[in-house]
Amino acid sequence: MDKNHPLYKLTATAVKTRKSHKVWKCPHVERYVDANFYAFSRCDVLITTTNSRNTVSYEVGFLPWGVGTEVCNIFSPTECYKVSSTGLKVTIIDYDVKVFVPKGTLLEDSKETLLAIE
């Protein structure tokens, strides 16, 4: 097992986030459903994905956080946004997956690990 491989680092970040947020204690809540976009949450973790190779952008208005909360993508820790009164605009390109958590809960070791991938 190569712990420096990008896929290992990606998986490790997802697992650490899952554990630190104890997502198994919260129900799966669908936040946005469309033919090309799906968003759901568990606790304060929002998972967004697409089945499209094209760029897709959606405003997710039904969120687990309040207006003004700053959230970041665990796989690209510098990608952070503030939740507005209309929600969170999520743009995904080419089958990507984004997982957002409140900035203050972003894991420090994940930041270092994923910056090494980029």
PDB file of N, CA and C in Angstrom:
ATOM      1  N   MET A   1       0.844  -1.173   0.000  1.00  0.00           N
ATOM      2  CA  MET A   1       0.000   0.000   0.000  1.00  0.00           C
ATOM      3  C   MET A   1       0.892   1.241   0.000  1.00  0.00           C
ATOM      4  N   ASP A   2       0.659   2.127  -0.962  1.00  0.00           N
ATOM      5  CA  ASP A   2       1.438   3.352  -1.096  1.00  0.00           C
ATOM      6  C   ASP A   2       0.662   4.514  -0.483  1.00  0.00           C
ATOM      7  N   LYS A   3       1.068   4.922   0.716  1.00  0.00           N
ATOM      8  CA  LYS A   3       0.360   5.988   1.422  1.00  0.00           C
ATOM      9  C   LYS A   3       0.571   7.369   0.800  1.00  0.00           C
ATOM     10  N   ASN A   4       1.431   7.455  -0.181  1.00  0.00           N
ATOM     11  CA  ASN A   4       1.642   8.718  -0.885  1.00  0.00           C
ATOM     12  C   ASN A   4       0.862   8.807  -2.184  1.00  0.00           C
ATOM     13  N   HIS A   5       0.188   7.729  -2.542  1.00  0.00           N
ATOM     14  CA  HIS A   5      -0.594   7.714  -3.776  1.00  0.00           C
ATOM     15  C   HIS A   5      -1.807   8.639  -3.616  1.00  0.00           C
ATOM     16  N   PRO A   6      -2.145   9.425  -4.656  1.00  0.00           N
ATOM     17  CA  PRO A   6      -3.288  10.356  -4.558  1.00  0.00           C
ATOM     18  C   PRO A   6      -4.605   9.681  -4.169  1.00  0.00           C
ATOM     19  N   LEU A   7      -4.859   8.473  -4.663  1.00  0.00           N
ATOM     20  CA  LEU A   7      -6.112   7.794  -4.318  1.00  0.00           C
ATOM     21  C   LEU A   7      -6.147   7.418  -2.837  1.00  0.00           C
ATOM     22  N   TYR A   8      -5.007   6.991  -2.301  1.00  0.00           N
ATOM     23  CA  TYR A   8      -4.929   6.682  -0.865  1.00  0.00           C
ATOM     24  C   TYR A   8      -5.213   7.952  -0.057  1.00  0.00           C
ATOM     25  N   LYS A   9      -4.601   9.070  -0.444  1.00  0.00           N
ATOM     26  CA  LYS A   9      -4.783  10.325   0.287  1.00  0.00           C
ATOM     27  C   LYS A   9      -6.228  10.808   0.234  1.00  0.00           C
ATOM     28  N   LEU A  10      -6.850  10.664  -0.936  1.00  0.00           N
ATOM     29  CA  LEU A  10      -8.248  11.051  -1.104  1.00  0.00           C
ATOM     30  C   LEU A  10      -9.156  10.225  -0.190  1.00  0.00           C
ATOM     31  N   THR A  11      -8.944   8.918  -0.204  1.00  0.00           N
ATOM     32  CA  THR A  11      -9.750   8.020   0.625  1.00  0.00           C
ATOM     33  C   THR A  11      -9.509   8.290   2.106  1.00  0.00           C
ATOM     34  N   ALA A  12      -8.268   8.498   2.489  1.00  0.00           N
ATOM     35  CA  ALA A  12      -7.943   8.772   3.894  1.00  0.00           C
ATOM     36  C   ALA A  12      -8.626  10.047   4.374  1.00  0.00           C
ATOM     37  N   THR A  13      -8.661  11.069   3.525  1.00  0.00           N
ATOM     38  CA  THR A  13      -9.329  12.318   3.887  1.00  0.00           C
ATOM     39  C   THR A  13     -10.827  12.102   4.094  1.00  0.00           C
ATOM     40  N   ALA A  14     -11.441  11.333   3.205  1.00  0.00           N
ATOM     41  CA  ALA A  14     -12.880  11.054   3.329  1.00  0.00           C
ATOM     42  C   ALA A  14     -13.166  10.282   4.615  1.00  0.00           C
ATOM     43  N   VAL A  15     -12.365   9.292   4.918  1.00  0.00           N
ATOM     44  CA  VAL A  15     -12.576   8.474   6.116  1.00  0.00           C
ATOM     45  C   VAL A  15     -12.368   9.299   7.388  1.00  0.00           C
ATOM     46  N   LYS A  16     -11.314  10.112   7.415  1.00  0.00           N
ATOM     47  CA  LYS A  16     -11.053  10.949   8.600  1.00  0.00           C
ATOM     48  C   LYS A  16     -12.191  11.947   8.828  1.00  0.00           C
ATOM     49  N   THR A  17     -12.701  12.513   7.737  1.00  0.00           N
ATOM     50  CA  THR A  17     -13.821  13.462   7.856  1.00  0.00           C
ATOM     51  C   THR A  17     -15.057  12.745   8.373  1.00  0.00           C
ATOM     52  N   ARG A  18     -15.330  11.577   7.831  1.00  0.00           N
ATOM     53  CA  ARG A  18     -16.484  10.779   8.273  1.00  0.00           C
ATOM     54  C   ARG A  18     -16.397  10.514   9.776  1.00  0.00           C
ATOM     55  N   LYS A  19     -15.217  10.116  10.227  1.00  0.00           N
ATOM     56  CA  LYS A  19     -15.042   9.801  11.654  1.00  0.00           C
ATOM     57  C   LYS A  19     -15.139  11.046  12.528  1.00  0.00           C
ATOM     58  N   SER A  20     -14.505  12.131  12.112  1.00  0.00           N
ATOM     59  CA  SER A  20     -14.488  13.328  12.961  1.00  0.00           C
ATOM     60  C   SER A  20     -15.870  13.974  13.078  1.00  0.00           C
ATOM     61  N   HIS A  21     -16.711  13.800  12.059  1.00  0.00           N
ATOM     62  CA  HIS A  21     -18.060  14.378  12.088  1.00  0.00           C
ATOM     63  C   HIS A  21     -19.121  13.371  12.553  1.00  0.00           C
ATOM     64  N   LYS A  22     -18.700  12.138  12.780  1.00  0.00           N
ATOM     65  CA  LYS A  22     -19.605  11.078  13.265  1.00  0.00           C
ATOM     66  C   LYS A  22     -20.899  11.041  12.450  1.00  0.00           C
ATOM     67  N   VAL A  23     -20.741  10.968  11.135  1.00  0.00           N
ATOM     68  CA  VAL A  23     -21.894  11.046  10.239  1.00  0.00           C
ATOM     69  C   VAL A  23     -22.879   9.898  10.403  1.00  0.00           C
ATOM     70  N   TRP A  24     -22.454   8.798  10.963  1.00  0.00           N
ATOM     71  CA  TRP A  24     -23.364   7.663  11.180  1.00  0.00           C
ATOM     72  C   TRP A  24     -24.438   7.976  12.223  1.00  0.00           C
ATOM     73  N   LYS A  25     -24.252   9.056  12.977  1.00  0.00           N
ATOM     74  CA  LYS A  25     -25.229   9.427  14.000  1.00  0.00           C
ATOM     75  C   LYS A  25     -26.375  10.278  13.447  1.00  0.00           C
ATOM     76  N   CYS A  26     -26.273  10.691  12.196  1.00  0.00           N
ATOM     77  CA  CYS A  26     -27.287  11.560  11.583  1.00  0.00           C
ATOM     78  C   CYS A  26     -27.910  10.874  10.379  1.00  0.00           C
ATOM     79  N   PRO A  27     -29.151  11.194  10.106  1.00  0.00           N
ATOM     80  CA  PRO A  27     -29.800  10.593   8.932  1.00  0.00           C
ATOM     81  C   PRO A  27     -29.274  11.173   7.624  1.00  0.00           C
ATOM     82  N   HIS A  28     -29.446  10.410   6.579  1.00  0.00           N
ATOM     83  CA  HIS A  28     -29.152  10.842   5.215  1.00  0.00           C
ATOM     84  C   HIS A  28     -30.282  11.792   4.812  1.00  0.00           C
ATOM     85  N   VAL A  29     -29.936  13.035   4.463  1.00  0.00           N
ATOM     86  CA  VAL A  29     -30.947  14.023   4.079  1.00  0.00           C
ATOM     87  C   VAL A  29     -30.658  14.495   2.653  1.00  0.00           C
ATOM     88  N   GLU A  30     -31.600  14.247   1.751  1.00  0.00           N
ATOM     89  CA  GLU A  30     -31.436  14.741   0.378  1.00  0.00           C
ATOM     90  C   GLU A  30     -31.604  16.245   0.391  1.00  0.00           C
ATOM     91  N   ARG A  31     -30.635  16.947  -0.188  1.00  0.00           N
ATOM     92  CA  ARG A  31     -30.647  18.408  -0.213  1.00  0.00           C
ATOM     93  C   ARG A  31     -31.015  18.962  -1.585  1.00  0.00           C
ATOM     94  N   TYR A  32     -30.640  18.226  -2.657  1.00  0.00           N
ATOM     95  CA  TYR A  32     -30.970  18.646  -4.016  1.00  0.00           C
ATOM     96  C   TYR A  32     -30.850  17.426  -4.912  1.00  0.00           C
ATOM     97  N   VAL A  33     -31.872  17.215  -5.735  1.00  0.00           N
ATOM     98  CA  VAL A  33     -31.880  16.074  -6.650  1.00  0.00           C
ATOM     99  C   VAL A  33     -32.257  16.561  -8.041  1.00  0.00           C
ATOM    100  N   ASP A  34     -31.444  16.211  -9.023  1.00  0.00           N
ATOM    101  CA  ASP A  34     -31.687  16.567 -10.418  1.00  0.00           C
ATOM    102  C   ASP A  34     -31.121  15.435 -11.265  1.00  0.00           C
ATOM    103  N   ALA A  35     -31.431  15.435 -12.544  1.00  0.00           N
ATOM    104  CA  ALA A  35     -30.939  14.378 -13.434  1.00  0.00           C
ATOM    105  C   ALA A  35     -29.411  14.320 -13.478  1.00  0.00           C
ATOM    106  N   ASN A  36     -28.738  15.479 -13.290  1.00  0.00           N
ATOM    107  CA  ASN A  36     -27.279  15.519 -13.389  1.00  0.00           C
ATOM    108  C   ASN A  36     -26.561  15.935 -12.116  1.00  0.00           C
ATOM    109  N   PHE A  37     -27.296  16.072 -11.029  1.00  0.00           N
ATOM    110  CA  PHE A  37     -26.679  16.564  -9.792  1.00  0.00           C
ATOM    111  C   PHE A  37     -27.398  15.969  -8.589  1.00  0.00           C
ATOM    112  N   TYR A  38     -26.618  15.608  -7.570  1.00  0.00           N
ATOM    113  CA  TYR A  38     -27.196  15.067  -6.352  1.00  0.00           C
ATOM    114  C   TYR A  38     -26.430  15.620  -5.161  1.00  0.00           C
ATOM    115  N   ALA A  39     -27.147  16.125  -4.179  1.00  0.00           N
ATOM    116  CA  ALA A  39     -26.542  16.640  -2.954  1.00  0.00           C
ATOM    117  C   ALA A  39     -27.290  16.073  -1.761  1.00  0.00           C
ATOM    118  N   PHE A  40     -26.519  15.598  -0.788  1.00  0.00           N
ATOM    119  CA  PHE A  40     -27.118  15.099   0.445  1.00  0.00           C
ATOM    120  C   PHE A  40     -26.191  15.421   1.603  1.00  0.00           C
ATOM    121  N   SER A  41     -26.758  15.349   2.796  1.00  0.00           N
ATOM    122  CA  SER A  41     -25.936  15.616   3.972  1.00  0.00           C
ATOM    123  C   SER A  41     -26.156  14.538   5.019  1.00  0.00           C
ATOM    124  N   ARG A  42     -25.184  14.489   5.880  1.00  0.00           N
ATOM    125  CA  ARG A  42     -25.254  13.734   7.131  1.00  0.00           C
ATOM    126  C   ARG A  42     -24.579  14.645   8.154  1.00  0.00           C
ATOM    127  N   CYS A  43     -25.300  14.976   9.201  1.00  0.00           N
ATOM    128  CA  CYS A  43     -24.830  15.955  10.188  1.00  0.00           C
ATOM    129  C   CYS A  43     -24.485  17.245   9.461  1.00  0.00           C
ATOM    130  N   ASP A  44     -23.279  17.786   9.673  1.00  0.00           N
ATOM    131  CA  ASP A  44     -22.906  19.048   9.023  1.00  0.00           C
ATOM    132  C   ASP A  44     -21.955  18.823   7.847  1.00  0.00           C
ATOM    133  N   VAL A  45     -22.054  17.664   7.211  1.00  0.00           N
ATOM    134  CA  VAL A  45     -21.249  17.325   6.035  1.00  0.00           C
ATOM    135  C   VAL A  45     -22.175  17.271   4.818  1.00  0.00           C
ATOM    136  N   LEU A  46     -21.853  18.063   3.792  1.00  0.00           N
ATOM    137  CA  LEU A  46     -22.634  18.089   2.557  1.00  0.00           C
ATOM    138  C   LEU A  46     -21.831  17.435   1.449  1.00  0.00           C
ATOM    139  N   ILE A  47     -22.404  16.415   0.819  1.00  0.00           N
ATOM    140  CA  ILE A  47     -21.760  15.691  -0.276  1.00  0.00           C
ATOM    141  C   ILE A  47     -22.486  16.057  -1.564  1.00  0.00           C
ATOM    142  N   THR A  48     -21.726  16.484  -2.578  1.00  0.00           N
ATOM    143  CA  THR A  48     -22.310  16.842  -3.862  1.00  0.00           C
ATOM    144  C   THR A  48     -21.607  16.066  -4.967  1.00  0.00           C
ATOM    145  N   THR A  49     -22.376  15.615  -5.941  1.00  0.00           N
ATOM    146  CA  THR A  49     -21.805  14.819  -7.024  1.00  0.00           C
ATOM    147  C   THR A  49     -22.608  15.017  -8.303  1.00  0.00           C
ATOM    148  N   THR A  50     -22.021  14.598  -9.402  1.00  0.00           N
ATOM    149  CA  THR A  50     -22.695  14.683 -10.694  1.00  0.00           C
ATOM    150  C   THR A  50     -22.390  13.442 -11.522  1.00  0.00           C
ATOM    151  N   ASN A  51     -23.233  13.191 -12.483  1.00  0.00           N
ATOM    152  CA  ASN A  51     -23.005  12.098 -13.428  1.00  0.00           C
ATOM    153  C   ASN A  51     -22.676  12.659 -14.803  1.00  0.00           C
ATOM    154  N   SER A  52     -22.271  13.917 -14.834  1.00  0.00           N
ATOM    155  CA  SER A  52     -22.032  14.605 -16.097  1.00  0.00           C
ATOM    156  C   SER A  52     -20.558  14.949 -16.277  1.00  0.00           C
ATOM    157  N   ARG A  53     -20.099  14.825 -17.483  1.00  0.00           N
ATOM    158  CA  ARG A  53     -18.744  15.256 -17.823  1.00  0.00           C
ATOM    159  C   ARG A  53     -18.705  16.779 -17.993  1.00  0.00           C
ATOM    160  N   ASN A  54     -19.853  17.377 -18.275  1.00  0.00           N
ATOM    161  CA  ASN A  54     -19.951  18.822 -18.462  1.00  0.00           C
ATOM    162  C   ASN A  54     -19.931  19.539 -17.114  1.00  0.00           C
ATOM    163  N   THR A  55     -19.715  20.829 -17.166  1.00  0.00           N
ATOM    164  CA  THR A  55     -19.777  21.648 -15.964  1.00  0.00           C
ATOM    165  C   THR A  55     -21.234  21.807 -15.546  1.00  0.00           C
ATOM    166  N   VAL A  56     -21.519  21.565 -14.279  1.00  0.00           N
ATOM    167  CA  VAL A  56     -22.866  21.764 -13.746  1.00  0.00           C
ATOM    168  C   VAL A  56     -22.768  22.713 -12.549  1.00  0.00           C
ATOM    169  N   SER A  57     -23.735  23.608 -12.449  1.00  0.00           N
ATOM    170  CA  SER A  57     -23.801  24.557 -11.332  1.00  0.00           C
ATOM    171  C   SER A  57     -25.217  24.557 -10.777  1.00  0.00           C
ATOM    172  N   TYR A  58     -25.312  24.441  -9.487  1.00  0.00           N
ATOM    173  CA  TYR A  58     -26.609  24.439  -8.812  1.00  0.00           C
ATOM    174  C   TYR A  58     -26.519  25.252  -7.542  1.00  0.00           C
ATOM    175  N   GLU A  59     -27.614  25.904  -7.222  1.00  0.00           N
ATOM    176  CA  GLU A  59     -27.745  26.627  -5.963  1.00  0.00           C
ATOM    177  C   GLU A  59     -28.492  25.696  -5.008  1.00  0.00           C
ATOM    178  N   VAL A  60     -27.774  25.205  -4.012  1.00  0.00           N
ATOM    179  CA  VAL A  60     -28.378  24.306  -3.033  1.00  0.00           C
ATOM    180  C   VAL A  60     -28.882  25.181  -1.895  1.00  0.00           C
ATOM    181  N   GLY A  61     -30.199  25.263  -1.750  1.00  0.00           N
ATOM    182  CA  GLY A  61     -30.795  26.176  -0.778  1.00  0.00           C
ATOM    183  C   GLY A  61     -31.174  25.542   0.544  1.00  0.00           C
ATOM    184  N   PHE A  62     -31.314  24.255   0.549  1.00  0.00           N
ATOM    185  CA  PHE A  62     -31.716  23.519   1.748  1.00  0.00           C
ATOM    186  C   PHE A  62     -30.453  22.922   2.346  1.00  0.00           C
ATOM    187  N   LEU A  63     -29.880  23.602   3.362  1.00  0.00           N
ATOM    188  CA  LEU A  63     -28.551  23.245   3.882  1.00  0.00           C
ATOM    189  C   LEU A  63     -28.562  22.971   5.382  1.00  0.00           C
ATOM    190  N   PRO A  64     -27.546  22.267   5.854  1.00  0.00           N
ATOM    191  CA  PRO A  64     -27.453  22.012   7.293  1.00  0.00           C
ATOM    192  C   PRO A  64     -26.831  23.165   8.079  1.00  0.00           C
ATOM    193  N   TRP A  65     -26.493  24.288   7.391  1.00  0.00           N
ATOM    194  CA  TRP A  65     -25.854  25.418   8.057  1.00  0.00           C
ATOM    195  C   TRP A  65     -26.660  26.688   7.848  1.00  0.00           C
ATOM    196  N   GLY A  66     -26.385  27.672   8.684  1.00  0.00           N
ATOM    197  CA  GLY A  66     -27.062  28.954   8.572  1.00  0.00           C
ATOM    198  C   GLY A  66     -26.346  29.917   7.647  1.00  0.00           C
ATOM    199  N   VAL A  67     -27.030  31.005   7.316  1.00  0.00           N
ATOM    200  CA  VAL A  67     -26.460  32.061   6.474  1.00  0.00           C
ATOM    201  C   VAL A  67     -25.198  32.602   7.144  1.00  0.00           C
ATOM    202  N   GLY A  68     -24.155  32.791   6.342  1.00  0.00           N
ATOM    203  CA  GLY A  68     -22.890  33.329   6.850  1.00  0.00           C
ATOM    204  C   GLY A  68     -21.872  32.279   7.230  1.00  0.00           C
ATOM    205  N   THR A  69     -22.289  31.024   7.324  1.00  0.00           N
ATOM    206  CA  THR A  69     -21.349  29.955   7.655  1.00  0.00           C
ATOM    207  C   THR A  69     -20.363  29.775   6.511  1.00  0.00           C
ATOM    208  N   GLU A  70     -19.080  29.744   6.825  1.00  0.00           N
ATOM    209  CA  GLU A  70     -18.073  29.493   5.795  1.00  0.00           C
ATOM    210  C   GLU A  70     -17.801  28.000   5.738  1.00  0.00           C
ATOM    211  N   VAL A  71     -17.924  27.440   4.541  1.00  0.00           N
ATOM    212  CA  VAL A  71     -17.718  25.998   4.346  1.00  0.00           C
ATOM    213  C   VAL A  71     -16.630  25.778   3.309  1.00  0.00           C
ATOM    214  N   CYS A  72     -15.907  24.652   3.442  1.00  0.00           N
ATOM    215  CA  CYS A  72     -14.805  24.344   2.544  1.00  0.00           C
ATOM    216  C   CYS A  72     -14.924  22.915   2.035  1.00  0.00           C
ATOM    217  N   ASN A  73     -14.398  22.701   0.848  1.00  0.00           N
ATOM    218  CA  ASN A  73     -14.359  21.382   0.227  1.00  0.00           C
ATOM    219  C   ASN A  73     -13.174  20.610   0.812  1.00  0.00           C
ATOM    220  N   ILE A  74     -13.430  19.472   1.417  1.00  0.00           N
ATOM    221  CA  ILE A  74     -12.354  18.707   2.064  1.00  0.00           C
ATOM    222  C   ILE A  74     -11.297  18.230   1.071  1.00  0.00           C
ATOM    223  N   PHE A  75     -11.646  18.097  -0.203  1.00  0.00           N
ATOM    224  CA  PHE A  75     -10.700  17.620  -1.203  1.00  0.00           C
ATOM    225  C   PHE A  75      -9.905  18.752  -1.850  1.00  0.00           C
ATOM    226  N   SER A  76     -10.305  19.973  -1.599  1.00  0.00           N
ATOM    227  CA  SER A  76      -9.606  21.161  -2.087  1.00  0.00           C
ATOM    228  C   SER A  76      -9.798  22.237  -1.026  1.00  0.00           C
ATOM    229  N   PRO A  77      -9.043  22.159   0.055  1.00  0.00           N
ATOM    230  CA  PRO A  77      -9.287  22.970   1.256  1.00  0.00           C
ATOM    231  C   PRO A  77      -9.269  24.482   1.072  1.00  0.00           C
ATOM    232  N   THR A  78      -8.740  24.968  -0.039  1.00  0.00           N
ATOM    233  CA  THR A  78      -8.775  26.410  -0.272  1.00  0.00           C
ATOM    234  C   THR A  78     -10.055  26.839  -0.982  1.00  0.00           C
ATOM    235  N   GLU A  79     -10.876  25.873  -1.385  1.00  0.00           N
ATOM    236  CA  GLU A  79     -12.164  26.169  -2.019  1.00  0.00           C
ATOM    237  C   GLU A  79     -13.217  26.353  -0.922  1.00  0.00           C
ATOM    238  N   CYS A  80     -13.386  27.583  -0.506  1.00  0.00           N
ATOM    239  CA  CYS A  80     -14.306  27.905   0.590  1.00  0.00           C
ATOM    240  C   CYS A  80     -15.320  28.948   0.134  1.00  0.00           C
ATOM    241  N   TYR A  81     -16.522  28.855   0.696  1.00  0.00           N
ATOM    242  CA  TYR A  81     -17.610  29.770   0.356  1.00  0.00           C
ATOM    243  C   TYR A  81     -18.403  30.091   1.611  1.00  0.00           C
ATOM    244  N   LYS A  82     -19.063  31.245   1.598  1.00  0.00           N
ATOM    245  CA  LYS A  82     -19.995  31.592   2.669  1.00  0.00           C
ATOM    246  C   LYS A  82     -21.399  31.286   2.193  1.00  0.00           C
ATOM    247  N   VAL A  83     -22.180  30.685   3.070  1.00  0.00           N
ATOM    248  CA  VAL A  83     -23.571  30.388   2.759  1.00  0.00           C
ATOM    249  C   VAL A  83     -24.329  31.707   2.697  1.00  0.00           C
ATOM    250  N   SER A  84     -25.052  31.917   1.607  1.00  0.00           N
ATOM    251  CA  SER A  84     -25.822  33.149   1.432  1.00  0.00           C
ATOM    252  C   SER A  84     -27.289  32.893   1.784  1.00  0.00           C
ATOM    253  N   SER A  85     -28.089  33.923   1.651  1.00  0.00           N
ATOM    254  CA  SER A  85     -29.520  33.778   1.953  1.00  0.00           C
ATOM    255  C   SER A  85     -30.213  32.862   0.940  1.00  0.00           C
ATOM    256  N   THR A  86     -29.596  32.654  -0.216  1.00  0.00           N
ATOM    257  CA  THR A  86     -30.177  31.742  -1.212  1.00  0.00           C
ATOM    258  C   THR A  86     -29.535  30.357  -1.161  1.00  0.00           C
ATOM    259  N   GLY A  87     -28.503  30.191  -0.352  1.00  0.00           N
ATOM    260  CA  GLY A  87     -27.871  28.881  -0.201  1.00  0.00           C
ATOM    261  C   GLY A  87     -26.411  28.882  -0.574  1.00  0.00           C
ATOM    262  N   LEU A  88     -25.986  27.791  -1.205  1.00  0.00           N
ATOM    263  CA  LEU A  88     -24.590  27.590  -1.586  1.00  0.00           C
ATOM    264  C   LEU A  88     -24.545  27.211  -3.057  1.00  0.00           C
ATOM    265  N   LYS A  89     -23.823  28.005  -3.843  1.00  0.00           N
ATOM    266  CA  LYS A  89     -23.675  27.670  -5.260  1.00  0.00           C
ATOM    267  C   LYS A  89     -22.540  26.660  -5.394  1.00  0.00           C
ATOM    268  N   VAL A  90     -22.865  25.514  -5.989  1.00  0.00           N
ATOM    269  CA  VAL A  90     -21.888  24.439  -6.169  1.00  0.00           C
ATOM    270  C   VAL A  90     -21.676  24.241  -7.665  1.00  0.00           C
ATOM    271  N   THR A  91     -20.431  24.303  -8.082  1.00  0.00           N
ATOM    272  CA  THR A  91     -20.076  24.051  -9.476  1.00  0.00           C
ATOM    273  C   THR A  91     -19.150  22.844  -9.516  1.00  0.00           C
ATOM    274  N   ILE A  92     -19.522  21.881 -10.333  1.00  0.00           N
ATOM    275  CA  ILE A  92     -18.736  20.644 -10.452  1.00  0.00           C
ATOM    276  C   ILE A  92     -18.392  20.434 -11.923  1.00  0.00           C
ATOM    277  N   ILE A  93     -17.169  20.017 -12.160  1.00  0.00           N
ATOM    278  CA  ILE A  93     -16.694  19.773 -13.517  1.00  0.00           C
ATOM    279  C   ILE A  93     -16.245  18.314 -13.646  1.00  0.00           C
ATOM    280  N   ASP A  94     -16.694  17.654 -14.688  1.00  0.00           N
ATOM    281  CA  ASP A  94     -16.163  16.351 -15.094  1.00  0.00           C
ATOM    282  C   ASP A  94     -16.236  15.268 -14.007  1.00  0.00           C
ATOM    283  N   TYR A  95     -17.433  14.931 -13.590  1.00  0.00           N
ATOM    284  CA  TYR A  95     -17.680  13.822 -12.655  1.00  0.00           C
ATOM    285  C   TYR A  95     -17.078  14.014 -11.268  1.00  0.00           C
ATOM    286  N   ASP A  96     -16.708  15.208 -10.928  1.00  0.00           N
ATOM    287  CA  ASP A  96     -16.058  15.455  -9.644  1.00  0.00           C
ATOM    288  C   ASP A  96     -17.033  15.242  -8.479  1.00  0.00           C
ATOM    289  N   VAL A  97     -16.497  15.119  -7.294  1.00  0.00           N
ATOM    290  CA  VAL A  97     -17.269  15.040  -6.058  1.00  0.00           C
ATOM    291  C   VAL A  97     -16.714  16.104  -5.126  1.00  0.00           C
ATOM    292  N   LYS A  98     -17.607  16.834  -4.480  1.00  0.00           N
ATOM    293  CA  LYS A  98     -17.186  17.825  -3.500  1.00  0.00           C
ATOM    294  C   LYS A  98     -17.875  17.518  -2.182  1.00  0.00           C
ATOM    295  N   VAL A  99     -17.107  17.618  -1.117  1.00  0.00           N
ATOM    296  CA  VAL A  99     -17.632  17.374   0.223  1.00  0.00           C
ATOM    297  C   VAL A  99     -17.329  18.622   1.051  1.00  0.00           C
ATOM    298  N   PHE A 100     -18.381  19.294   1.491  1.00  0.00           N
ATOM    299  CA  PHE A 100     -18.228  20.541   2.229  1.00  0.00           C
ATOM    300  C   PHE A 100     -18.484  20.343   3.718  1.00  0.00           C
ATOM    301  N   VAL A 101     -17.644  20.997   4.517  1.00  0.00           N
ATOM    302  CA  VAL A 101     -17.794  21.026   5.978  1.00  0.00           C
ATOM    303  C   VAL A 101     -17.544  22.458   6.434  1.00  0.00           C
ATOM    304  N   PRO A 102     -18.039  22.840   7.610  1.00  0.00           N
ATOM    305  CA  PRO A 102     -17.724  24.172   8.121  1.00  0.00           C
ATOM    306  C   PRO A 102     -16.204  24.344   8.223  1.00  0.00           C
ATOM    307  N   LYS A 103     -15.718  25.518   7.855  1.00  0.00           N
ATOM    308  CA  LYS A 103     -14.270  25.759   7.800  1.00  0.00           C
ATOM    309  C   LYS A 103     -13.567  25.406   9.100  1.00  0.00           C
ATOM    310  N   GLY A 104     -14.159  25.717  10.211  1.00  0.00           N
ATOM    311  CA  GLY A 104     -13.531  25.440  11.498  1.00  0.00           C
ATOM    312  C   GLY A 104     -13.375  23.961  11.814  1.00  0.00           C
ATOM    313  N   THR A 105     -14.058  23.105  11.064  1.00  0.00           N
ATOM    314  CA  THR A 105     -13.969  21.662  11.314  1.00  0.00           C
ATOM    315  C   THR A 105     -13.107  20.949  10.273  1.00  0.00           C
ATOM    316  N   LEU A 106     -12.544  21.712   9.339  1.00  0.00           N
ATOM    317  CA  LEU A 106     -11.666  21.131   8.320  1.00  0.00           C
ATOM    318  C   LEU A 106     -10.436  20.567   9.013  1.00  0.00           C
ATOM    319  N   LEU A 107     -10.088  19.334   8.716  1.00  0.00           N
ATOM    320  CA  LEU A 107      -8.977  18.666   9.376  1.00  0.00           C
ATOM    321  C   LEU A 107      -7.640  19.244   8.918  1.00  0.00           C
ATOM    322  N   GLU A 108      -6.782  19.595   9.863  1.00  0.00           N
ATOM    323  CA  GLU A 108      -5.488  20.201   9.532  1.00  0.00           C
ATOM    324  C   GLU A 108      -4.611  19.267   8.709  1.00  0.00           C
ATOM    325  N   ASP A 109      -4.553  17.996   9.074  1.00  0.00           N
ATOM    326  CA  ASP A 109      -3.693  17.077   8.321  1.00  0.00           C
ATOM    327  C   ASP A 109      -4.242  16.840   6.921  1.00  0.00           C
ATOM    328  N   SER A 110      -5.549  16.992   6.735  1.00  0.00           N
ATOM    329  CA  SER A 110      -6.146  16.843   5.401  1.00  0.00           C
ATOM    330  C   SER A 110      -5.686  17.978   4.499  1.00  0.00           C
ATOM    331  N   LYS A 111      -5.568  19.173   5.056  1.00  0.00           N
ATOM    332  CA  LYS A 111      -5.115  20.318   4.266  1.00  0.00           C
ATOM    333  C   LYS A 111      -3.725  20.032   3.694  1.00  0.00           C
ATOM    334  N   GLU A 112      -2.839  19.553   4.553  1.00  0.00           N
ATOM    335  CA  GLU A 112      -1.468  19.272   4.114  1.00  0.00           C
ATOM    336  C   GLU A 112      -1.452  18.113   3.113  1.00  0.00           C
ATOM    337  N   THR A 113      -2.191  17.068   3.402  1.00  0.00           N
ATOM    338  CA  THR A 113      -2.209  15.897   2.526  1.00  0.00           C
ATOM    339  C   THR A 113      -2.694  16.247   1.135  1.00  0.00           C
ATOM    340  N   LEU A 114      -3.778  16.982   1.041  1.00  0.00           N
ATOM    341  CA  LEU A 114      -4.357  17.250  -0.264  1.00  0.00           C
ATOM    342  C   LEU A 114      -3.607  18.323  -1.035  1.00  0.00           C
ATOM    343  N   LEU A 115      -2.954  19.226  -0.345  1.00  0.00           N
ATOM    344  CA  LEU A 115      -2.147  20.197  -1.056  1.00  0.00           C
ATOM    345  C   LEU A 115      -0.983  19.499  -1.750  1.00  0.00           C
ATOM    346  N   ALA A 116      -0.530  18.409  -1.180  1.00  0.00           N
ATOM    347  CA  ALA A 116       0.548  17.631  -1.796  1.00  0.00           C
ATOM    348  C   ALA A 116       0.075  16.939  -3.076  1.00  0.00           C
ATOM    349  N   ILE A 117      -1.247  16.640  -3.169  1.00  0.00           N
ATOM    350  CA  ILE A 117      -1.806  15.985  -4.356  1.00  0.00           C
ATOM    351  C   ILE A 117      -1.839  16.957  -5.523  1.00  0.00           C
ATOM    352  N   GLU A 118      -2.199  18.205  -5.254  1.00  0.00           N
ATOM    353  CA  GLU A 118      -2.367  19.208  -6.300  1.00  0.00           C
ATOM    354  C   GLU A 118      -1.068  19.568  -6.880  1.00  0.00           C
TER     355      GLU A 118
END
